[in-house]
Amino acid sequence: MMSGMGAEFFPRLVIAVIVVLAVCIAFGIGNPPMEKPAPVPVSVWITAGVLVAFVAAVQLIGMWLASFVLVVGLGRMWGEKSYLKTGVAAVGLLAVIYLVFVRVLKGNFPGGLLAGLWS
């Protein structure tokens, strides 16, 4: 009697469910009243700014040095007192990234503008 569900039926069903749920969210159906959320801490905005600066630093000084400075700097900003611990963590993290992405997967990372001056 039934020939089965066509190839177009399931995606349309998923889209219909998403539309119904989006309309419910838009009109607040099924949502209990919520308290006003706490303000975003300043450290979150500073971290976001540091990450944006990291993107620019990668173009200037290269991936490896910028990543090292990022890990040490964020660790220090988030409360770690020892440069030695964050430095060792940064070197370990970068070593793993290097082994996996450069040696195993044969990838390449940007050297930056300053590295271009040396060659």
PDB file of N, CA and C in Angstrom:
ATOM      1  N   MET A   1       0.808  -1.188   0.000  1.00  0.00           N
ATOM      2  CA  MET A   1       0.000   0.000   0.000  1.00  0.00           C
ATOM      3  C   MET A   1       0.862   1.267   0.000  1.00  0.00           C
ATOM      4  N   MET A   2       1.881   1.285   0.844  1.00  0.00           N
ATOM      5  CA  MET A   2       2.709   2.474   0.903  1.00  0.00           C
ATOM      6  C   MET A   2       3.980   2.218   0.111  1.00  0.00           C
ATOM      7  N   SER A   3       4.340   3.166  -0.692  1.00  0.00           N
ATOM      8  CA  SER A   3       5.545   3.005  -1.500  1.00  0.00           C
ATOM      9  C   SER A   3       6.784   3.502  -0.774  1.00  0.00           C
ATOM     10  N   GLY A   4       6.636   3.982   0.434  1.00  0.00           N
ATOM     11  CA  GLY A   4       7.783   4.457   1.199  1.00  0.00           C
ATOM     12  C   GLY A   4       7.908   5.965   1.140  1.00  0.00           C
ATOM     13  N   MET A   5       8.818   6.441   1.914  1.00  0.00           N
ATOM     14  CA  MET A   5       9.046   7.877   2.007  1.00  0.00           C
ATOM     15  C   MET A   5       9.998   8.289   0.885  1.00  0.00           C
ATOM     16  N   GLY A   6       9.650   9.309   0.132  1.00  0.00           N
ATOM     17  CA  GLY A   6      10.489   9.787  -0.950  1.00  0.00           C
ATOM     18  C   GLY A   6      11.730  10.486  -0.424  1.00  0.00           C
ATOM     19  N   ALA A   7      12.679  10.693  -1.293  1.00  0.00           N
ATOM     20  CA  ALA A   7      13.947  11.308  -0.915  1.00  0.00           C
ATOM     21  C   ALA A   7      13.769  12.748  -0.457  1.00  0.00           C
ATOM     22  N   GLU A   8      12.734  13.411  -0.936  1.00  0.00           N
ATOM     23  CA  GLU A   8      12.522  14.814  -0.571  1.00  0.00           C
ATOM     24  C   GLU A   8      11.684  14.975   0.688  1.00  0.00           C
ATOM     25  N   PHE A   9      11.055  13.935   1.169  1.00  0.00           N
ATOM     26  CA  PHE A   9      10.134  14.073   2.301  1.00  0.00           C
ATOM     27  C   PHE A   9      10.862  14.378   3.611  1.00  0.00           C
ATOM     28  N   PHE A  10      11.915  13.633   3.917  1.00  0.00           N
ATOM     29  CA  PHE A  10      12.581  13.806   5.208  1.00  0.00           C
ATOM     30  C   PHE A  10      13.211  15.194   5.360  1.00  0.00           C
ATOM     31  N   PRO A  11      13.959  15.705   4.370  1.00  0.00           N
ATOM     32  CA  PRO A  11      14.489  17.070   4.538  1.00  0.00           C
ATOM     33  C   PRO A  11      13.382  18.106   4.712  1.00  0.00           C
ATOM     34  N   ARG A  12      12.278  17.940   4.002  1.00  0.00           N
ATOM     35  CA  ARG A  12      11.154  18.870   4.152  1.00  0.00           C
ATOM     36  C   ARG A  12      10.545  18.765   5.551  1.00  0.00           C
ATOM     37  N   LEU A  13      10.495  17.560   6.087  1.00  0.00           N
ATOM     38  CA  LEU A  13       9.977  17.366   7.435  1.00  0.00           C
ATOM     39  C   LEU A  13      10.877  18.058   8.459  1.00  0.00           C
ATOM     40  N   VAL A  14      12.171  17.913   8.306  1.00  0.00           N
ATOM     41  CA  VAL A  14      13.116  18.562   9.222  1.00  0.00           C
ATOM     42  C   VAL A  14      12.984  20.077   9.136  1.00  0.00           C
ATOM     43  N   ILE A  15      12.882  20.615   7.926  1.00  0.00           N
ATOM     44  CA  ILE A  15      12.726  22.060   7.751  1.00  0.00           C
ATOM     45  C   ILE A  15      11.424  22.534   8.382  1.00  0.00           C
ATOM     46  N   ALA A  16      10.352  21.777   8.236  1.00  0.00           N
ATOM     47  CA  ALA A  16       9.066  22.157   8.824  1.00  0.00           C
ATOM     48  C   ALA A  16       9.153  22.193  10.352  1.00  0.00           C
ATOM     49  N   VAL A  17       9.820  21.217  10.940  1.00  0.00           N
ATOM     50  CA  VAL A  17       9.978  21.198  12.397  1.00  0.00           C
ATOM     51  C   VAL A  17      10.817  22.396  12.850  1.00  0.00           C
ATOM     52  N   ILE A  18      11.868  22.715  12.121  1.00  0.00           N
ATOM     53  CA  ILE A  18      12.695  23.868  12.460  1.00  0.00           C
ATOM     54  C   ILE A  18      11.888  25.154  12.377  1.00  0.00           C
ATOM     55  N   VAL A  19      11.061  25.293  11.356  1.00  0.00           N
ATOM     56  CA  VAL A  19      10.229  26.494  11.203  1.00  0.00           C
ATOM     57  C   VAL A  19       9.254  26.620  12.359  1.00  0.00           C
ATOM     58  N   VAL A  20       8.592  25.523  12.721  1.00  0.00           N
ATOM     59  CA  VAL A  20       7.630  25.553  13.829  1.00  0.00           C
ATOM     60  C   VAL A  20       8.337  25.944  15.128  1.00  0.00           C
ATOM     61  N   LEU A  21       9.491  25.367  15.392  1.00  0.00           N
ATOM     62  CA  LEU A  21      10.219  25.699  16.614  1.00  0.00           C
ATOM     63  C   LEU A  21      10.723  27.143  16.597  1.00  0.00           C
ATOM     64  N   ALA A  22      11.156  27.642  15.429  1.00  0.00           N
ATOM     65  CA  ALA A  22      11.607  29.028  15.328  1.00  0.00           C
ATOM     66  C   ALA A  22      10.458  29.999  15.594  1.00  0.00           C
ATOM     67  N   VAL A  23       9.267  29.685  15.101  1.00  0.00           N
ATOM     68  CA  VAL A  23       8.093  30.532  15.363  1.00  0.00           C
ATOM     69  C   VAL A  23       7.763  30.515  16.845  1.00  0.00           C
ATOM     70  N   CYS A  24       7.855  29.356  17.473  1.00  0.00           N
ATOM     71  CA  CYS A  24       7.602  29.267  18.922  1.00  0.00           C
ATOM     72  C   CYS A  24       8.611  30.107  19.704  1.00  0.00           C
ATOM     73  N   ILE A  25       9.860  30.070  19.299  1.00  0.00           N
ATOM     74  CA  ILE A  25      10.872  30.879  19.977  1.00  0.00           C
ATOM     75  C   ILE A  25      10.604  32.361  19.758  1.00  0.00           C
ATOM     76  N   ALA A  26      10.253  32.742  18.521  1.00  0.00           N
ATOM     77  CA  ALA A  26      10.029  34.151  18.205  1.00  0.00           C
ATOM     78  C   ALA A  26       8.885  34.744  19.018  1.00  0.00           C
ATOM     79  N   PHE A  27       7.842  33.966  19.255  1.00  0.00           N
ATOM     80  CA  PHE A  27       6.688  34.465  20.010  1.00  0.00           C
ATOM     81  C   PHE A  27       6.747  34.115  21.491  1.00  0.00           C
ATOM     82  N   GLY A  28       7.808  33.459  21.922  1.00  0.00           N
ATOM     83  CA  GLY A  28       7.977  33.144  23.335  1.00  0.00           C
ATOM     84  C   GLY A  28       7.057  32.042  23.823  1.00  0.00           C
ATOM     85  N   ILE A  29       6.588  31.216  22.931  1.00  0.00           N
ATOM     86  CA  ILE A  29       5.688  30.123  23.313  1.00  0.00           C
ATOM     87  C   ILE A  29       6.508  29.027  23.987  1.00  0.00           C
ATOM     88  N   GLY A  30       6.119  28.663  25.195  1.00  0.00           N
ATOM     89  CA  GLY A  30       6.784  27.586  25.910  1.00  0.00           C
ATOM     90  C   GLY A  30       8.004  28.025  26.694  1.00  0.00           C
ATOM     91  N   ASN A  31       8.325  29.308  26.676  1.00  0.00           N
ATOM     92  CA  ASN A  31       9.480  29.808  27.422  1.00  0.00           C
ATOM     93  C   ASN A  31       9.019  30.424  28.731  1.00  0.00           C
ATOM     94  N   PRO A  32       9.520  29.948  29.842  1.00  0.00           N
ATOM     95  CA  PRO A  32       9.189  30.609  31.104  1.00  0.00           C
ATOM     96  C   PRO A  32       9.912  31.951  31.180  1.00  0.00           C
ATOM     97  N   PRO A  33       9.377  32.907  31.915  1.00  0.00           N
ATOM     98  CA  PRO A  33      10.084  34.181  32.054  1.00  0.00           C
ATOM     99  C   PRO A  33      11.446  33.963  32.709  1.00  0.00           C
ATOM    100  N   MET A  34      12.427  34.671  32.192  1.00  0.00           N
ATOM    101  CA  MET A  34      13.789  34.492  32.693  1.00  0.00           C
ATOM    102  C   MET A  34      14.268  35.772  33.355  1.00  0.00           C
ATOM    103  N   GLU A  35      15.203  35.591  34.261  1.00  0.00           N
ATOM    104  CA  GLU A  35      15.841  36.744  34.878  1.00  0.00           C
ATOM    105  C   GLU A  35      16.820  37.345  33.883  1.00  0.00           C
ATOM    106  N   LYS A  36      17.116  38.608  34.075  1.00  0.00           N
ATOM    107  CA  LYS A  36      18.091  39.258  33.213  1.00  0.00           C
ATOM    108  C   LYS A  36      19.460  38.631  33.476  1.00  0.00           C
ATOM    109  N   PRO A  37      20.192  38.237  32.400  1.00  0.00           N
ATOM    110  CA  PRO A  37      21.491  37.604  32.614  1.00  0.00           C
ATOM    111  C   PRO A  37      22.504  38.592  33.179  1.00  0.00           C
ATOM    112  N   ALA A  38      23.486  38.038  33.836  1.00  0.00           N
ATOM    113  CA  ALA A  38      24.556  38.863  34.406  1.00  0.00           C
ATOM    114  C   ALA A  38      25.353  39.503  33.273  1.00  0.00           C
ATOM    115  N   PRO A  39      25.937  40.662  33.520  1.00  0.00           N
ATOM    116  CA  PRO A  39      26.741  41.292  32.456  1.00  0.00           C
ATOM    117  C   PRO A  39      27.978  40.458  32.138  1.00  0.00           C
ATOM    118  N   VAL A  40      28.432  40.594  30.911  1.00  0.00           N
ATOM    119  CA  VAL A  40      29.623  39.856  30.479  1.00  0.00           C
ATOM    120  C   VAL A  40      30.842  40.459  31.182  1.00  0.00           C
ATOM    121  N   PRO A  41      31.673  39.618  31.807  1.00  0.00           N
ATOM    122  CA  PRO A  41      32.856  40.143  32.493  1.00  0.00           C
ATOM    123  C   PRO A  41      33.814  40.843  31.522  1.00  0.00           C
ATOM    124  N   VAL A  42      34.537  41.804  32.033  1.00  0.00           N
ATOM    125  CA  VAL A  42      35.485  42.575  31.224  1.00  0.00           C
ATOM    126  C   VAL A  42      36.568  41.667  30.648  1.00  0.00           C
ATOM    127  N   SER A  43      36.954  40.640  31.391  1.00  0.00           N
ATOM    128  CA  SER A  43      38.019  39.756  30.912  1.00  0.00           C
ATOM    129  C   SER A  43      37.636  39.043  29.617  1.00  0.00           C
ATOM    130  N   VAL A  44      36.344  38.819  29.401  1.00  0.00           N
ATOM    131  CA  VAL A  44      35.892  38.194  28.152  1.00  0.00           C
ATOM    132  C   VAL A  44      36.165  39.127  26.979  1.00  0.00           C
ATOM    133  N   TRP A  45      35.872  40.404  27.145  1.00  0.00           N
ATOM    134  CA  TRP A  45      36.101  41.376  26.073  1.00  0.00           C
ATOM    135  C   TRP A  45      37.599  41.562  25.825  1.00  0.00           C
ATOM    136  N   ILE A  46      38.375  41.554  26.880  1.00  0.00           N
ATOM    137  CA  ILE A  46      39.832  41.674  26.714  1.00  0.00           C
ATOM    138  C   ILE A  46      40.382  40.459  25.974  1.00  0.00           C
ATOM    139  N   THR A  47      39.899  39.266  26.327  1.00  0.00           N
ATOM    140  CA  THR A  47      40.333  38.046  25.648  1.00  0.00           C
ATOM    141  C   THR A  47      39.964  38.095  24.171  1.00  0.00           C
ATOM    142  N   ALA A  48      38.764  38.566  23.856  1.00  0.00           N
ATOM    143  CA  ALA A  48      38.355  38.684  22.457  1.00  0.00           C
ATOM    144  C   ALA A  48      39.268  39.648  21.708  1.00  0.00           C
ATOM    145  N   GLY A  49      39.621  40.758  22.343  1.00  0.00           N
ATOM    146  CA  GLY A  49      40.546  41.705  21.725  1.00  0.00           C
ATOM    147  C   GLY A  49      41.923  41.111  21.504  1.00  0.00           C
ATOM    148  N   VAL A  50      42.392  40.338  22.469  1.00  0.00           N
ATOM    149  CA  VAL A  50      43.700  39.678  22.337  1.00  0.00           C
ATOM    150  C   VAL A  50      43.668  38.683  21.185  1.00  0.00           C
ATOM    151  N   LEU A  51      42.578  37.965  21.011  1.00  0.00           N
ATOM    152  CA  LEU A  51      42.476  37.002  19.909  1.00  0.00           C
ATOM    153  C   LEU A  51      42.451  37.701  18.550  1.00  0.00           C
ATOM    154  N   VAL A  52      41.808  38.854  18.478  1.00  0.00           N
ATOM    155  CA  VAL A  52      41.831  39.629  17.234  1.00  0.00           C
ATOM    156  C   VAL A  52      43.252  40.120  16.959  1.00  0.00           C
ATOM    157  N   ALA A  53      43.935  40.582  17.995  1.00  0.00           N
ATOM    158  CA  ALA A  53      45.325  41.015  17.829  1.00  0.00           C
ATOM    159  C   ALA A  53      46.214  39.831  17.433  1.00  0.00           C
ATOM    160  N   PHE A  54      45.884  38.633  17.903  1.00  0.00           N
ATOM    161  CA  PHE A  54      46.651  37.437  17.546  1.00  0.00           C
ATOM    162  C   PHE A  54      46.607  37.193  16.040  1.00  0.00           C
ATOM    163  N   VAL A  55      45.448  37.401  15.436  1.00  0.00           N
ATOM    164  CA  VAL A  55      45.325  37.201  13.989  1.00  0.00           C
ATOM    165  C   VAL A  55      46.269  38.145  13.251  1.00  0.00           C
ATOM    166  N   ALA A  56      46.323  39.396  13.688  1.00  0.00           N
ATOM    167  CA  ALA A  56      47.242  40.350  13.068  1.00  0.00           C
ATOM    168  C   ALA A  56      48.691  39.968  13.354  1.00  0.00           C
ATOM    169  N   ALA A  57      48.968  39.491  14.555  1.00  0.00           N
ATOM    170  CA  ALA A  57      50.332  39.112  14.920  1.00  0.00           C
ATOM    171  C   ALA A  57      50.822  37.926  14.100  1.00  0.00           C
ATOM    172  N   VAL A  58      49.929  37.005  13.755  1.00  0.00           N
ATOM    173  CA  VAL A  58      50.325  35.860  12.930  1.00  0.00           C
ATOM    174  C   VAL A  58      50.823  36.361  11.579  1.00  0.00           C
ATOM    175  N   GLN A  59      50.155  37.359  11.028  1.00  0.00           N
ATOM    176  CA  GLN A  59      50.588  37.906   9.740  1.00  0.00           C
ATOM    177  C   GLN A  59      51.929  38.628   9.852  1.00  0.00           C
ATOM    178  N   LEU A  60      52.192  39.194  11.009  1.00  0.00           N
ATOM    179  CA  LEU A  60      53.414  39.971  11.186  1.00  0.00           C
ATOM    180  C   LEU A  60      54.603  39.120  11.625  1.00  0.00           C
ATOM    181  N   ILE A  61      54.429  38.348  12.707  1.00  0.00           N
ATOM    182  CA  ILE A  61      55.574  37.620  13.277  1.00  0.00           C
ATOM    183  C   ILE A  61      55.521  36.117  13.058  1.00  0.00           C
ATOM    184  N   GLY A  62      54.450  35.618  12.459  1.00  0.00           N
ATOM    185  CA  GLY A  62      54.364  34.191  12.167  1.00  0.00           C
ATOM    186  C   GLY A  62      53.566  33.425  13.216  1.00  0.00           C
ATOM    187  N   MET A  63      53.162  32.245  12.819  1.00  0.00           N
ATOM    188  CA  MET A  63      52.278  31.420  13.636  1.00  0.00           C
ATOM    189  C   MET A  63      52.928  30.981  14.949  1.00  0.00           C
ATOM    190  N   TRP A  64      54.167  30.548  14.891  1.00  0.00           N
ATOM    191  CA  TRP A  64      54.767  29.918  16.061  1.00  0.00           C
ATOM    192  C   TRP A  64      55.053  30.920  17.172  1.00  0.00           C
ATOM    193  N   LEU A  65      55.664  32.035  16.846  1.00  0.00           N
ATOM    194  CA  LEU A  65      55.968  33.031  17.858  1.00  0.00           C
ATOM    195  C   LEU A  65      54.688  33.682  18.384  1.00  0.00           C
ATOM    196  N   ALA A  66      53.738  33.961  17.476  1.00  0.00           N
ATOM    197  CA  ALA A  66      52.470  34.563  17.900  1.00  0.00           C
ATOM    198  C   ALA A  66      51.695  33.618  18.815  1.00  0.00           C
ATOM    199  N   SER A  67      51.714  32.329  18.513  1.00  0.00           N
ATOM    200  CA  SER A  67      51.008  31.357  19.352  1.00  0.00           C
ATOM    201  C   SER A  67      51.654  31.231  20.722  1.00  0.00           C
ATOM    202  N   PHE A  68      52.968  31.241  20.747  1.00  0.00           N
ATOM    203  CA  PHE A  68      53.671  31.172  22.026  1.00  0.00           C
ATOM    204  C   PHE A  68      53.316  32.376  22.896  1.00  0.00           C
ATOM    205  N   VAL A  69      53.370  33.565  22.307  1.00  0.00           N
ATOM    206  CA  VAL A  69      53.038  34.782  23.048  1.00  0.00           C
ATOM    207  C   VAL A  69      51.574  34.750  23.495  1.00  0.00           C
ATOM    208  N   LEU A  70      50.694  34.253  22.644  1.00  0.00           N
ATOM    209  CA  LEU A  70      49.273  34.165  22.990  1.00  0.00           C
ATOM    210  C   LEU A  70      49.042  33.262  24.200  1.00  0.00           C
ATOM    211  N   VAL A  71      49.602  32.072  24.175  1.00  0.00           N
ATOM    212  CA  VAL A  71      49.376  31.126  25.274  1.00  0.00           C
ATOM    213  C   VAL A  71      49.959  31.659  26.580  1.00  0.00           C
ATOM    214  N   VAL A  72      51.176  32.191  26.526  1.00  0.00           N
ATOM    215  CA  VAL A  72      51.792  32.729  27.739  1.00  0.00           C
ATOM    216  C   VAL A  72      51.021  33.949  28.231  1.00  0.00           C
ATOM    217  N   GLY A  73      50.662  34.840  27.311  1.00  0.00           N
ATOM    218  CA  GLY A  73      49.946  36.058  27.693  1.00  0.00           C
ATOM    219  C   GLY A  73      48.565  35.792  28.270  1.00  0.00           C
ATOM    220  N   LEU A  74      47.799  34.907  27.617  1.00  0.00           N
ATOM    221  CA  LEU A  74      46.464  34.595  28.147  1.00  0.00           C
ATOM    222  C   LEU A  74      46.562  33.853  29.473  1.00  0.00           C
ATOM    223  N   GLY A  75      47.526  32.959  29.594  1.00  0.00           N
ATOM    224  CA  GLY A  75      47.713  32.268  30.871  1.00  0.00           C
ATOM    225  C   GLY A  75      48.001  33.240  31.995  1.00  0.00           C
ATOM    226  N   ARG A  76      48.851  34.201  31.702  1.00  0.00           N
ATOM    227  CA  ARG A  76      49.188  35.226  32.700  1.00  0.00           C
ATOM    228  C   ARG A  76      47.965  36.094  33.013  1.00  0.00           C
ATOM    229  N   MET A  77      47.219  36.469  31.969  1.00  0.00           N
ATOM    230  CA  MET A  77      46.048  37.313  32.167  1.00  0.00           C
ATOM    231  C   MET A  77      44.966  36.590  32.973  1.00  0.00           C
ATOM    232  N   TRP A  78      44.849  35.291  32.782  1.00  0.00           N
ATOM    233  CA  TRP A  78      43.822  34.523  33.481  1.00  0.00           C
ATOM    234  C   TRP A  78      44.243  34.093  34.873  1.00  0.00           C
ATOM    235  N   GLY A  79      45.438  34.506  35.320  1.00  0.00           N
ATOM    236  CA  GLY A  79      45.775  34.291  36.716  1.00  0.00           C
ATOM    237  C   GLY A  79      46.975  33.422  37.019  1.00  0.00           C
ATOM    238  N   GLU A  80      47.602  32.827  36.030  1.00  0.00           N
ATOM    239  CA  GLU A  80      48.794  32.015  36.302  1.00  0.00           C
ATOM    240  C   GLU A  80      49.962  32.950  36.591  1.00  0.00           C
ATOM    241  N   LYS A  81      50.659  32.690  37.679  1.00  0.00           N
ATOM    242  CA  LYS A  81      51.738  33.572  38.110  1.00  0.00           C
ATOM    243  C   LYS A  81      53.099  33.187  37.520  1.00  0.00           C
ATOM    244  N   SER A  82      53.272  31.943  37.164  1.00  0.00           N
ATOM    245  CA  SER A  82      54.584  31.458  36.743  1.00  0.00           C
ATOM    246  C   SER A  82      54.731  31.507  35.218  1.00  0.00           C
ATOM    247  N   TYR A  83      55.725  32.283  34.775  1.00  0.00           N
ATOM    248  CA  TYR A  83      56.039  32.284  33.348  1.00  0.00           C
ATOM    249  C   TYR A  83      56.605  30.936  32.919  1.00  0.00           C
ATOM    250  N   LEU A  84      57.274  30.248  33.825  1.00  0.00           N
ATOM    251  CA  LEU A  84      57.859  28.955  33.492  1.00  0.00           C
ATOM    252  C   LEU A  84      56.775  27.938  33.138  1.00  0.00           C
ATOM    253  N   LYS A  85      55.731  27.864  33.966  1.00  0.00           N
ATOM    254  CA  LYS A  85      54.642  26.912  33.699  1.00  0.00           C
ATOM    255  C   LYS A  85      53.942  27.211  32.389  1.00  0.00           C
ATOM    256  N   THR A  86      53.615  28.480  32.161  1.00  0.00           N
ATOM    257  CA  THR A  86      52.919  28.811  30.914  1.00  0.00           C
ATOM    258  C   THR A  86      53.843  28.647  29.712  1.00  0.00           C
ATOM    259  N   GLY A  87      55.120  28.922  29.891  1.00  0.00           N
ATOM    260  CA  GLY A  87      56.075  28.724  28.800  1.00  0.00           C
ATOM    261  C   GLY A  87      56.214  27.255  28.428  1.00  0.00           C
ATOM    262  N   VAL A  88      56.302  26.400  29.439  1.00  0.00           N
ATOM    263  CA  VAL A  88      56.395  24.958  29.177  1.00  0.00           C
ATOM    264  C   VAL A  88      55.107  24.450  28.532  1.00  0.00           C
ATOM    265  N   ALA A  89      53.962  24.932  29.011  1.00  0.00           N
ATOM    266  CA  ALA A  89      52.682  24.533  28.413  1.00  0.00           C
ATOM    267  C   ALA A  89      52.605  24.990  26.957  1.00  0.00           C
ATOM    268  N   ALA A  90      53.061  26.207  26.685  1.00  0.00           N
ATOM    269  CA  ALA A  90      53.029  26.726  25.320  1.00  0.00           C
ATOM    270  C   ALA A  90      53.940  25.917  24.399  1.00  0.00           C
ATOM    271  N   VAL A  91      55.148  25.620  24.864  1.00  0.00           N
ATOM    272  CA  VAL A  91      56.085  24.831  24.047  1.00  0.00           C
ATOM    273  C   VAL A  91      55.525  23.434  23.812  1.00  0.00           C
ATOM    274  N   GLY A  92      54.937  22.813  24.835  1.00  0.00           N
ATOM    275  CA  GLY A  92      54.339  21.492  24.662  1.00  0.00           C
ATOM    276  C   GLY A  92      53.188  21.500  23.681  1.00  0.00           C
ATOM    277  N   LEU A  93      52.315  22.495  23.798  1.00  0.00           N
ATOM    278  CA  LEU A  93      51.176  22.603  22.886  1.00  0.00           C
ATOM    279  C   LEU A  93      51.652  22.816  21.456  1.00  0.00           C
ATOM    280  N   LEU A  94      52.608  23.710  21.270  1.00  0.00           N
ATOM    281  CA  LEU A  94      53.107  23.980  19.920  1.00  0.00           C
ATOM    282  C   LEU A  94      53.862  22.786  19.348  1.00  0.00           C
ATOM    283  N   ALA A  95      54.528  22.020  20.196  1.00  0.00           N
ATOM    284  CA  ALA A  95      55.214  20.817  19.722  1.00  0.00           C
ATOM    285  C   ALA A  95      54.212  19.797  19.207  1.00  0.00           C
ATOM    286  N   VAL A  96      53.121  19.623  19.930  1.00  0.00           N
ATOM    287  CA  VAL A  96      52.084  18.680  19.479  1.00  0.00           C
ATOM    288  C   VAL A  96      51.454  19.167  18.179  1.00  0.00           C
ATOM    289  N   ILE A  97      51.147  20.463  18.102  1.00  0.00           N
ATOM    290  CA  ILE A  97      50.569  21.017  16.876  1.00  0.00           C
ATOM    291  C   ILE A  97      51.535  20.836  15.710  1.00  0.00           C
ATOM    292  N   TYR A  98      52.818  21.083  15.941  1.00  0.00           N
ATOM    293  CA  TYR A  98      53.822  20.919  14.891  1.00  0.00           C
ATOM    294  C   TYR A  98      53.891  19.463  14.426  1.00  0.00           C
ATOM    295  N   LEU A  99      53.968  18.547  15.373  1.00  0.00           N
ATOM    296  CA  LEU A  99      54.075  17.131  15.000  1.00  0.00           C
ATOM    297  C   LEU A  99      52.859  16.658  14.223  1.00  0.00           C
ATOM    298  N   VAL A 100      51.675  17.024  14.687  1.00  0.00           N
ATOM    299  CA  VAL A 100      50.458  16.540  14.030  1.00  0.00           C
ATOM    300  C   VAL A 100      50.250  17.210  12.677  1.00  0.00           C
ATOM    301  N   PHE A 101      50.291  18.539  12.642  1.00  0.00           N
ATOM    302  CA  PHE A 101      49.890  19.234  11.433  1.00  0.00           C
ATOM    303  C   PHE A 101      51.015  19.405  10.408  1.00  0.00           C
ATOM    304  N   VAL A 102      52.262  19.526  10.858  1.00  0.00           N
ATOM    305  CA  VAL A 102      53.348  19.716   9.905  1.00  0.00           C
ATOM    306  C   VAL A 102      53.972  18.387   9.511  1.00  0.00           C
ATOM    307  N   ARG A 103      54.303  17.554  10.492  1.00  0.00           N
ATOM    308  CA  ARG A 103      54.983  16.288  10.179  1.00  0.00           C
ATOM    309  C   ARG A 103      54.024  15.211   9.672  1.00  0.00           C
ATOM    310  N   VAL A 104      52.912  14.994  10.385  1.00  0.00           N
ATOM    311  CA  VAL A 104      52.012  13.895  10.006  1.00  0.00           C
ATOM    312  C   VAL A 104      51.114  14.289   8.832  1.00  0.00           C
ATOM    313  N   LEU A 105      50.455  15.446   8.929  1.00  0.00           N
ATOM    314  CA  LEU A 105      49.501  15.850   7.897  1.00  0.00           C
ATOM    315  C   LEU A 105      50.128  16.676   6.777  1.00  0.00           C
ATOM    316  N   LYS A 106      51.418  16.970   6.880  1.00  0.00           N
ATOM    317  CA  LYS A 106      52.170  17.705   5.858  1.00  0.00           C
ATOM    318  C   LYS A 106      51.576  19.083   5.567  1.00  0.00           C
ATOM    319  N   GLY A 107      51.139  19.754   6.614  1.00  0.00           N
ATOM    320  CA  GLY A 107      50.585  21.097   6.463  1.00  0.00           C
ATOM    321  C   GLY A 107      51.668  22.143   6.547  1.00  0.00           C
ATOM    322  N   ASN A 108      51.247  23.392   6.469  1.00  0.00           N
ATOM    323  CA  ASN A 108      52.183  24.498   6.530  1.00  0.00           C
ATOM    324  C   ASN A 108      51.514  25.644   7.275  1.00  0.00           C
ATOM    325  N   PHE A 109      52.292  26.411   8.022  1.00  0.00           N
ATOM    326  CA  PHE A 109      51.771  27.541   8.771  1.00  0.00           C
ATOM    327  C   PHE A 109      52.443  28.819   8.276  1.00  0.00           C
ATOM    328  N   PRO A 110      51.751  29.948   8.373  1.00  0.00           N
ATOM    329  CA  PRO A 110      52.337  31.199   7.889  1.00  0.00           C
ATOM    330  C   PRO A 110      53.567  31.607   8.683  1.00  0.00           C
ATOM    331  N   GLY A 111      54.576  32.062   7.967  1.00  0.00           N
ATOM    332  CA  GLY A 111      55.811  32.491   8.609  1.00  0.00           C
ATOM    333  C   GLY A 111      55.785  33.937   9.032  1.00  0.00           C
ATOM    334  N   GLY A 112      54.917  34.728   8.442  1.00  0.00           N
ATOM    335  CA  GLY A 112      54.818  36.138   8.798  1.00  0.00           C
ATOM    336  C   GLY A 112      55.737  37.011   7.955  1.00  0.00           C
ATOM    337  N   LEU A 113      55.526  38.304   8.043  1.00  0.00           N
ATOM    338  CA  LEU A 113      56.310  39.261   7.270  1.00  0.00           C
ATOM    339  C   LEU A 113      57.762  39.317   7.729  1.00  0.00           C
ATOM    340  N   LEU A 114      57.988  39.197   9.007  1.00  0.00           N
ATOM    341  CA  LEU A 114      59.359  39.248   9.519  1.00  0.00           C
ATOM    342  C   LEU A 114      60.186  38.050   9.063  1.00  0.00           C
ATOM    343  N   ALA A 115      59.566  36.887   8.923  1.00  0.00           N
ATOM    344  CA  ALA A 115      60.280  35.718   8.437  1.00  0.00           C
ATOM    345  C   ALA A 115      60.681  35.910   6.978  1.00  0.00           C
ATOM    346  N   GLY A 116      59.880  36.682   6.235  1.00  0.00           N
ATOM    347  CA  GLY A 116      60.224  36.966   4.853  1.00  0.00           C
ATOM    348  C   GLY A 116      61.465  37.849   4.730  1.00  0.00           C
ATOM    349  N   LEU A 117      61.747  38.655   5.752  1.00  0.00           N
ATOM    350  CA  LEU A 117      62.937  39.483   5.733  1.00  0.00           C
ATOM    351  C   LEU A 117      64.221  38.669   5.867  1.00  0.00           C
ATOM    352  N   TRP A 118      64.134  37.520   6.552  1.00  0.00           N
ATOM    353  CA  TRP A 118      65.308  36.683   6.776  1.00  0.00           C
ATOM    354  C   TRP A 118      65.681  35.883   5.543  1.00  0.00           C
ATOM    355  N   SER A 119      64.716  35.650   4.654  1.00  0.00           N
ATOM    356  CA  SER A 119      65.027  34.797   3.501  1.00  0.00           C
ATOM    357  C   SER A 119      65.305  35.577   2.244  1.00  0.00           C
TER     358      SER A 119
END
